[in-house]
Amino acid sequence: MRTSVLSKSWRYSWMWVHNLDFDEIHPVPDLNRFLEFVNRVLEHCKATQVKIFRLNFTMGYVPESVVSKWITEAVRLKVCELHLKVRHIKLPLSFFLNKTLTDISLDFTELHFPLLDGESNITLPCVKTLDIVISSQPHENVSKLIHGCPELRNLSVGIKNCNRPQHYHYKIPTLKRLKLSICQSVSYISPVYLQLPNLEHFFVDGLLCLEFVEEDLDLSSLINAKATCHVKDDGLWVELLERISQAKSISLNITFWNPKSELDVCVEPLPNFPNLKHLEVEGYVGAKYQLIPQILENCSELEHLSIVKPKGGHWNQPEVVPTCMVGNLKTLKYAETRAQDFNRELLNYMLENSNVLKTLTIACDNMFSPSEEQRLLSELTINPRDPKDCRICFVRNST
């Protein structure tokens, strides 16, 4: 925007902006001109403090020395949030000794940590949130950066293009939220050591190739856990469930690449979930939906169950009714995009055996007509003990 068109007093107003966002929406036809523009903005910035400095430039190549200079300028301007997405980064010394940064996001193809090759300390005392993507980079350097943030609350680590096993050791007593994302191109199984006594939210997505080592494991404060994973090894999946078994709310969206049997999703015993109140299972639930009772049998305190877009065969009724259905399960949501795929056997089993169920919500697409709703409703059987206490309602999916 040309501010000088409005008034001369507006001509230099841009010098006092607090947010600097340089985003490569389209390929830059003249790279040198773009570099000069960024240099000029940083050089003439008069703000007492820059709140956000964001650089998204992955289509073209910006020299490491130039990016390093920009980071130095941002640090000089007492930047609070630094978000960098570029091909190559060479972090300057001033970055590692910054006392104003609170949020850092680093996404790169190649990262150079010349400072970390020695014994120099990293001091980032105010950083609360760190989001970093690792690509063909020794994790030891990244680990030093992570543990140089003594007040870290939120950590997100993306792992891609890793050509050898790594050791991920996180000992962060202040951490509240952790997300681990693994690209499908990673083929090695790497051990993970977690000492996170105050962790409340834990998320894992991508290819499950992490072995959670039990030694010194501490996830005692876990409230919410979510796993959206592609699984090749049942053992790794059960191990992950064991690590999150203390959570109060769990969401599972699992794809099994090579199930050992068409009838068995998991042949290993599942852990108990003594604190679990909310459970969402999305996607593959087994050829005979057997994943549902397998989990329910170990969730005695479960109150809310959601089954979303189940992929599997027909319902196979378990021999024993899970304990949670007898005395605790209060709400059930069954969501499917195609109305004709609703599994009446499953819904009837849940209604007949859930003694305290209050609400059954059925989510369907717009092709499901009111007359079909009434027909389905007539085919569902409510527990005869309290026929008026369970309400069945239909909702429309947004997609």
Protein backbone atom coordinates (compact mmCIF):
# COMPACT_ATOMS: atom_id res chain seq x y z
CA MET A 1 0.00 0.00 0.00
CA ARG A 2 1.32 3.48 -0.89
CA THR A 3 0.58 5.45 2.28
CA SER A 4 1.97 8.68 0.79
CA VAL A 5 -1.04 8.86 -1.54
CA LEU A 6 -3.26 9.64 1.45
CA SER A 7 -1.15 12.13 3.35
CA LYS A 8 2.51 12.93 3.93
CA SER A 9 2.01 12.14 7.61
CA TRP A 10 1.27 8.53 6.63
CA ARG A 11 4.36 8.13 4.48
CA TYR A 12 6.51 6.57 7.19
CA SER A 13 3.81 4.90 9.30
CA TRP A 14 5.00 1.46 8.21
CA MET A 15 8.17 1.98 10.26
CA TRP A 16 6.21 1.51 13.49
CA VAL A 17 4.38 -1.74 12.67
CA HIS A 18 4.79 -4.53 15.23
CA ASN A 19 4.22 -7.54 12.96
CA LEU A 20 6.55 -8.26 10.03
CA ASP A 21 5.28 -11.01 7.73
CA PHE A 22 7.20 -11.83 4.54
CA ASP A 23 5.30 -14.57 2.74
CA GLU A 24 6.19 -16.03 -0.64
CA ILE A 25 2.70 -16.42 -2.06
CA HIS A 26 4.04 -16.50 -5.63
CA PRO A 27 7.57 -17.00 -6.97
CA VAL A 28 9.50 -13.75 -6.70
CA PRO A 29 10.51 -12.59 -10.21
CA ASP A 30 13.37 -10.47 -8.89
CA LEU A 31 15.02 -12.06 -5.84
CA ASN A 32 17.49 -9.23 -5.30
CA ARG A 33 14.68 -6.73 -5.19
CA PHE A 34 12.88 -8.82 -2.59
CA LEU A 35 16.03 -9.10 -0.46
CA GLU A 36 16.55 -5.35 -0.64
CA PHE A 37 12.95 -4.79 0.41
CA VAL A 38 13.28 -6.97 3.53
CA ASN A 39 16.62 -5.35 4.39
CA ARG A 40 15.09 -1.90 4.10
CA VAL A 41 12.10 -2.75 6.28
CA LEU A 42 14.30 -4.17 9.04
CA GLU A 43 16.81 -1.35 8.83
CA HIS A 44 14.20 1.39 9.17
CA CYS A 45 11.86 -0.31 11.64
CA LYS A 46 11.28 2.10 14.56
CA ALA A 47 8.98 -0.07 16.70
CA THR A 48 10.14 -0.45 20.30
CA GLN A 49 9.46 -4.17 19.96
CA VAL A 50 8.47 -6.46 17.09
CA LYS A 51 5.83 -8.93 18.22
CA ILE A 52 5.97 -11.28 15.21
CA PHE A 53 8.62 -11.86 12.56
CA ARG A 54 7.54 -14.42 9.98
CA LEU A 55 9.44 -15.54 6.89
CA ASN A 56 7.92 -18.11 4.54
CA PHE A 57 10.23 -18.54 1.56
CA THR A 58 10.64 -22.09 0.23
CA MET A 59 10.21 -21.70 -3.54
CA GLY A 60 13.37 -19.67 -4.03
CA TYR A 61 16.77 -19.79 -2.40
CA VAL A 62 17.73 -17.15 0.13
CA PRO A 63 21.42 -17.35 1.13
CA GLU A 64 22.09 -18.54 4.67
CA SER A 65 24.05 -15.39 5.47
CA VAL A 66 21.06 -13.24 4.50
CA VAL A 67 18.61 -15.20 6.65
CA SER A 68 21.11 -15.07 9.52
CA LYS A 69 21.33 -11.29 9.15
CA TRP A 70 17.53 -10.98 9.23
CA ILE A 71 17.33 -13.08 12.39
CA THR A 72 19.97 -10.86 14.00
CA GLU A 73 17.93 -7.78 13.10
CA ALA A 74 14.76 -9.37 14.49
CA VAL A 75 16.58 -10.13 17.74
CA ARG A 76 17.79 -6.52 17.87
CA LEU A 77 14.15 -5.45 17.60
CA LYS A 78 13.31 -7.62 20.64
CA VAL A 79 11.14 -10.01 18.65
CA CYS A 80 8.65 -12.13 20.63
CA GLU A 81 7.54 -14.66 18.00
CA LEU A 82 9.90 -15.95 15.32
CA HIS A 83 8.50 -18.15 12.52
CA LEU A 84 10.92 -19.28 9.81
CA LYS A 85 10.16 -21.57 6.88
CA VAL A 86 13.08 -21.49 4.46
CA ARG A 87 15.32 -23.98 2.71
CA HIS A 88 18.51 -23.26 4.64
CA ILE A 89 19.03 -21.66 8.03
CA LYS A 90 22.22 -20.66 9.79
CA LEU A 91 21.23 -19.46 13.22
CA PRO A 92 23.37 -16.60 14.54
CA LEU A 93 24.86 -16.43 18.03
CA SER A 94 22.36 -13.78 19.09
CA PHE A 95 19.50 -16.23 18.57
CA PHE A 96 20.76 -18.65 21.23
CA LEU A 97 21.12 -15.95 23.88
CA ASN A 98 17.82 -14.18 23.29
CA LYS A 99 15.73 -13.07 26.28
CA THR A 100 12.59 -11.79 24.52
CA LEU A 101 11.54 -14.75 22.35
CA THR A 102 8.43 -16.57 23.58
CA ASP A 103 7.43 -18.54 20.45
CA ILE A 104 9.75 -20.16 17.89
CA SER A 105 8.81 -22.06 14.73
CA LEU A 106 11.55 -23.52 12.51
CA ASP A 107 10.82 -25.45 9.31
CA PHE A 108 13.75 -26.04 6.99
CA THR A 109 15.44 -28.35 4.53
CA GLU A 110 18.89 -27.86 6.01
CA LEU A 111 19.80 -26.29 9.34
CA HIS A 112 23.26 -25.30 10.52
CA PHE A 113 24.01 -24.99 14.22
CA PRO A 114 27.63 -23.83 14.24
CA LEU A 115 27.30 -22.70 17.84
CA LEU A 116 26.19 -26.12 19.04
CA ASP A 117 29.31 -27.87 17.81
CA GLY A 118 31.14 -26.57 20.86
CA GLU A 119 30.31 -26.38 24.53
CA SER A 120 28.48 -23.05 24.37
CA ASN A 121 25.30 -22.84 26.39
CA ILE A 122 21.89 -22.04 24.94
CA THR A 123 19.84 -19.61 26.99
CA LEU A 124 16.28 -18.96 25.86
CA PRO A 125 14.63 -18.26 29.22
CA CYS A 126 11.30 -16.91 27.94
CA VAL A 127 10.46 -19.44 25.22
CA LYS A 128 7.13 -21.13 25.97
CA THR A 129 6.37 -22.64 22.55
CA LEU A 130 8.76 -24.40 20.16
CA ASP A 131 7.68 -25.90 16.83
CA ILE A 132 10.51 -27.50 14.87
CA VAL A 133 10.71 -29.78 11.83
CA ILE A 134 13.76 -32.03 11.61
CA SER A 135 14.97 -33.00 8.15
CA SER A 136 18.18 -35.02 7.75
CA GLN A 137 19.52 -33.30 10.84
CA PRO A 138 21.30 -34.88 13.84
CA HIS A 139 18.74 -34.75 16.61
CA GLU A 140 21.44 -34.10 19.21
CA ASN A 141 21.64 -30.48 18.07
CA VAL A 142 17.88 -30.05 18.11
CA SER A 143 17.75 -31.64 21.55
CA LYS A 144 20.22 -29.04 22.85
CA LEU A 145 17.96 -26.31 21.52
CA ILE A 146 14.90 -27.88 23.17
CA HIS A 147 16.58 -28.27 26.54
CA GLY A 148 17.90 -24.72 26.32
CA CYS A 149 14.32 -23.53 26.95
CA PRO A 150 13.83 -23.98 30.72
CA GLU A 151 10.24 -22.65 30.69
CA LEU A 152 9.00 -24.62 27.67
CA ARG A 153 5.26 -25.38 27.76
CA ASN A 154 4.42 -26.48 24.20
CA LEU A 155 6.67 -28.58 21.96
CA SER A 156 5.97 -29.85 18.45
CA VAL A 157 8.61 -31.97 16.68
CA GLY A 158 8.24 -33.01 13.04
CA ILE A 159 10.55 -35.75 11.76
CA LYS A 160 11.09 -36.31 8.03
CA ASN A 161 13.71 -37.72 5.67
CA CYS A 162 15.59 -39.34 8.52
CA ASN A 163 18.14 -41.80 7.09
CA ARG A 164 19.28 -43.39 10.35
CA PRO A 165 17.85 -44.25 13.79
CA GLN A 166 17.78 -41.40 16.29
CA HIS A 167 17.43 -41.24 20.06
CA TYR A 168 14.74 -38.87 21.27
CA HIS A 169 15.19 -38.06 24.93
CA TYR A 170 12.93 -35.38 26.40
CA LYS A 171 13.33 -34.43 30.04
CA ILE A 172 11.21 -31.30 30.37
CA PRO A 173 9.49 -30.83 33.74
CA THR A 174 7.59 -27.72 32.58
CA LEU A 175 6.11 -29.20 29.38
CA LYS A 176 2.30 -29.29 29.10
CA ARG A 177 1.77 -30.19 25.44
CA LEU A 178 3.81 -32.47 23.13
CA LYS A 179 3.21 -33.35 19.48
CA LEU A 180 5.35 -35.83 17.54
CA SER A 181 4.82 -36.05 13.76
CA ILE A 182 6.64 -38.67 11.70
CA CYS A 183 6.78 -38.55 7.91
CA GLN A 184 6.06 -41.83 6.10
CA SER A 185 9.48 -41.68 4.43
CA VAL A 186 11.10 -42.48 7.80
CA SER A 187 11.85 -46.21 7.85
CA TYR A 188 13.88 -46.68 11.04
CA ILE A 189 12.51 -47.45 14.49
CA SER A 190 13.90 -44.99 17.03
CA PRO A 191 13.71 -45.14 20.84
CA VAL A 192 11.92 -42.36 22.72
CA TYR A 193 12.59 -41.52 26.37
CA LEU A 194 9.97 -39.30 28.02
CA GLN A 195 10.34 -37.65 31.41
CA LEU A 196 7.43 -35.24 31.34
CA PRO A 197 5.79 -35.30 34.78
CA ASN A 198 3.49 -32.33 34.01
CA LEU A 199 2.47 -33.27 30.47
CA GLU A 200 -1.28 -32.87 29.92
CA HIS A 201 -1.71 -33.20 26.13
CA PHE A 202 0.12 -35.72 23.94
CA PHE A 203 -0.33 -36.12 20.17
CA VAL A 204 1.31 -38.59 17.77
CA ASP A 205 0.65 -38.67 14.03
CA GLY A 206 2.17 -40.14 10.88
CA LEU A 207 4.07 -43.40 10.63
CA LEU A 208 4.38 -45.08 14.01
CA CYS A 209 8.08 -45.96 14.14
CA LEU A 210 8.82 -44.83 17.69
CA GLU A 211 9.66 -47.24 20.48
CA PHE A 212 8.63 -45.72 23.80
CA VAL A 213 11.20 -46.87 26.32
CA GLU A 214 9.74 -47.56 29.75
CA GLU A 215 12.88 -46.55 31.64
CA ASP A 216 12.22 -43.30 33.55
CA LEU A 217 8.91 -42.91 31.73
CA ASP A 218 6.67 -40.37 33.43
CA LEU A 219 3.34 -39.30 31.90
CA SER A 220 1.42 -39.31 35.16
CA SER A 221 -0.38 -35.98 34.53
CA LEU A 222 -1.75 -36.86 31.09
CA ILE A 223 -5.27 -35.58 30.39
CA ASN A 224 -5.69 -35.84 26.64
CA ALA A 225 -3.98 -38.10 24.08
CA LYS A 226 -4.52 -38.40 20.34
CA ALA A 227 -2.90 -40.87 17.92
CA THR A 228 -3.42 -40.61 14.16
CA CYS A 229 -1.00 -43.24 12.94
CA HIS A 230 -0.11 -45.75 10.25
CA VAL A 231 0.88 -48.94 12.04
CA LYS A 232 3.10 -51.72 10.71
CA ASP A 233 3.88 -53.39 14.03
CA ASP A 234 1.18 -54.34 16.56
CA GLY A 235 3.79 -54.25 19.30
CA LEU A 236 4.59 -50.57 18.76
CA TRP A 237 0.90 -49.69 18.77
CA VAL A 238 0.19 -51.55 22.02
CA GLU A 239 3.28 -49.93 23.51
CA LEU A 240 1.92 -46.49 22.59
CA LEU A 241 -1.43 -47.36 24.19
CA GLU A 242 0.39 -48.35 27.37
CA ARG A 243 2.15 -44.99 27.46
CA ILE A 244 -1.10 -43.03 27.16
CA SER A 245 -3.21 -45.37 29.30
CA GLN A 246 -3.46 -42.86 32.18
CA ALA A 247 -5.21 -40.23 30.04
CA LYS A 248 -8.78 -39.13 30.70
CA SER A 249 -9.55 -38.56 27.01
CA ILE A 250 -8.16 -40.57 24.06
CA SER A 251 -8.72 -40.27 20.32
CA LEU A 252 -7.51 -43.07 18.01
CA ASN A 253 -7.37 -43.00 14.23
CA ILE A 254 -5.27 -46.01 13.28
CA THR A 255 -4.49 -47.58 9.92
CA PHE A 256 -3.02 -51.08 10.03
CA TRP A 257 -0.78 -51.72 7.04
CA ASN A 258 -0.13 -55.42 7.55
CA PRO A 259 -2.62 -56.95 9.99
CA LYS A 260 -1.57 -60.45 11.05
CA SER A 261 -5.04 -61.74 10.35
CA GLU A 262 -8.07 -60.45 8.53
CA LEU A 263 -10.05 -61.18 11.68
CA ASP A 264 -7.63 -59.82 14.27
CA VAL A 265 -6.47 -56.24 14.52
CA CYS A 266 -4.30 -56.83 17.53
CA VAL A 267 -3.31 -60.18 18.98
CA GLU A 268 -1.44 -58.69 21.93
CA PRO A 269 -3.36 -57.85 25.13
CA LEU A 270 -4.30 -54.20 25.46
CA PRO A 271 -3.53 -52.19 28.60
CA ASN A 272 -6.09 -50.99 31.13
CA PHE A 273 -7.30 -47.40 30.98
CA PRO A 274 -8.27 -46.68 34.60
CA ASN A 275 -8.97 -42.94 34.16
CA LEU A 276 -10.50 -42.89 30.69
CA LYS A 277 -13.78 -40.95 30.43
CA HIS A 278 -13.86 -39.96 26.74
CA LEU A 279 -12.92 -42.25 23.84
CA GLU A 280 -13.08 -41.60 20.10
CA VAL A 281 -12.28 -44.35 17.61
CA GLU A 282 -12.06 -43.33 13.98
CA GLY A 283 -11.38 -45.41 10.89
CA TYR A 284 -10.42 -49.07 10.95
CA VAL A 285 -12.09 -51.04 13.75
CA GLY A 286 -11.38 -54.59 12.61
CA ALA A 287 -13.00 -57.00 10.20
CA LYS A 288 -15.73 -57.69 12.77
CA TYR A 289 -15.49 -54.43 14.72
CA GLN A 290 -13.57 -56.38 17.36
CA LEU A 291 -11.34 -53.40 18.19
CA ILE A 292 -14.32 -51.73 19.91
CA PRO A 293 -14.96 -54.44 22.55
CA GLN A 294 -11.21 -55.03 22.91
CA ILE A 295 -10.80 -51.46 24.12
CA LEU A 296 -14.10 -51.19 26.01
CA GLU A 297 -13.25 -54.22 28.12
CA ASN A 298 -10.34 -52.25 29.59
CA CYS A 299 -12.14 -48.90 30.12
CA SER A 300 -14.28 -49.52 33.20
CA GLU A 301 -14.85 -45.78 33.86
CA LEU A 302 -15.71 -44.77 30.28
CA GLU A 303 -18.66 -42.35 30.03
CA HIS A 304 -18.53 -41.01 26.46
CA LEU A 305 -17.85 -43.05 23.31
CA SER A 306 -17.61 -41.81 19.72
CA ILE A 307 -17.22 -44.10 16.69
CA VAL A 308 -16.39 -42.09 13.57
CA LYS A 309 -16.42 -43.43 10.01
CA PRO A 310 -15.73 -47.02 11.02
CA LYS A 311 -13.93 -49.17 8.46
CA GLY A 312 -14.44 -52.87 8.95
CA GLY A 313 -16.88 -55.72 8.51
CA HIS A 314 -20.10 -56.48 10.34
CA TRP A 315 -20.52 -56.38 14.10
CA ASN A 316 -19.51 -59.51 16.00
CA GLN A 317 -21.14 -59.53 19.43
CA PRO A 318 -18.68 -60.11 22.31
CA GLU A 319 -19.32 -62.87 24.81
CA VAL A 320 -19.18 -60.58 27.85
CA VAL A 321 -20.67 -57.09 28.14
CA PRO A 322 -17.89 -54.57 28.97
CA THR A 323 -18.09 -53.19 32.50
CA CYS A 324 -18.28 -49.57 31.39
CA MET A 325 -21.54 -50.24 29.51
CA VAL A 326 -23.19 -51.71 32.58
CA GLY A 327 -22.73 -48.74 34.88
CA ASN A 328 -20.96 -45.73 33.32
CA LEU A 329 -21.47 -45.18 29.57
CA LYS A 330 -23.73 -42.12 29.21
CA THR A 331 -23.34 -40.93 25.62
CA LEU A 332 -22.66 -42.66 22.32
CA LYS A 333 -22.02 -40.99 18.97
CA TYR A 334 -21.95 -42.99 15.76
CA ALA A 335 -20.85 -41.04 12.68
CA GLU A 336 -20.76 -42.29 9.12
CA THR A 337 -20.86 -40.40 5.83
CA ARG A 338 -23.10 -42.94 4.09
CA ALA A 339 -26.43 -43.68 5.71
CA GLN A 340 -26.70 -47.19 4.30
CA ASP A 341 -23.51 -48.18 6.13
CA PHE A 342 -25.01 -47.80 9.59
CA ASN A 343 -24.46 -50.95 11.56
CA ARG A 344 -27.75 -51.73 13.25
CA GLU A 345 -26.33 -54.75 15.09
CA LEU A 346 -23.72 -52.60 16.81
CA LEU A 347 -26.19 -49.86 17.74
CA ASN A 348 -28.74 -52.33 19.05
CA TYR A 349 -26.11 -54.08 21.13
CA MET A 350 -25.02 -50.78 22.68
CA LEU A 351 -28.62 -49.72 23.38
CA GLU A 352 -29.66 -53.04 24.87
CA ASN A 353 -26.65 -53.41 27.17
CA SER A 354 -25.87 -49.83 28.24
CA ASN A 355 -27.89 -49.46 31.42
CA VAL A 356 -27.28 -45.74 32.00
CA LEU A 357 -27.00 -44.52 28.40
CA LYS A 358 -28.64 -41.09 28.08
CA THR A 359 -27.98 -40.07 24.48
CA LEU A 360 -27.32 -41.80 21.18
CA THR A 361 -26.31 -39.36 18.44
CA ILE A 362 -26.29 -40.65 14.87
CA ALA A 363 -24.47 -38.47 12.34
CA CYS A 364 -25.37 -39.07 8.71
CA ASP A 365 -25.14 -37.38 5.34
CA ASN A 366 -27.80 -35.33 3.60
CA MET A 367 -28.88 -38.34 1.52
CA PHE A 368 -30.47 -39.84 4.63
CA SER A 369 -34.14 -38.81 4.40
CA PRO A 370 -36.52 -38.25 7.35
CA SER A 371 -38.40 -41.42 6.40
CA GLU A 372 -35.15 -43.39 6.58
CA GLU A 373 -34.51 -41.88 10.00
CA GLN A 374 -37.88 -43.12 11.20
CA ARG A 375 -37.28 -46.58 9.76
CA LEU A 376 -33.88 -46.83 11.45
CA LEU A 377 -35.37 -45.55 14.68
CA SER A 378 -38.01 -48.28 14.61
CA GLU A 379 -35.30 -50.92 14.17
CA LEU A 380 -33.32 -49.82 17.22
CA THR A 381 -34.07 -51.38 20.58
CA ILE A 382 -33.67 -49.35 23.75
CA ASN A 383 -32.84 -51.02 27.05
CA PRO A 384 -36.27 -51.96 28.46
CA ARG A 385 -35.28 -51.03 32.00
CA ASP A 386 -35.45 -47.28 31.32
CA PRO A 387 -36.98 -46.77 27.89
CA LYS A 388 -37.57 -43.03 28.38
CA ASP A 389 -34.10 -42.15 29.65
CA CYS A 390 -32.19 -42.63 26.38
CA ARG A 391 -32.69 -40.01 23.69
CA ILE A 392 -31.84 -40.84 20.06
CA CYS A 393 -31.10 -37.89 17.80
CA PHE A 394 -29.92 -37.50 14.21
CA VAL A 395 -27.50 -34.82 13.01
CA ARG A 396 -26.23 -33.99 9.54
CA ASN A 397 -22.55 -34.16 8.70
CA SER A 398 -21.12 -30.92 7.36
CA THR A 399 -19.26 -32.77 4.58
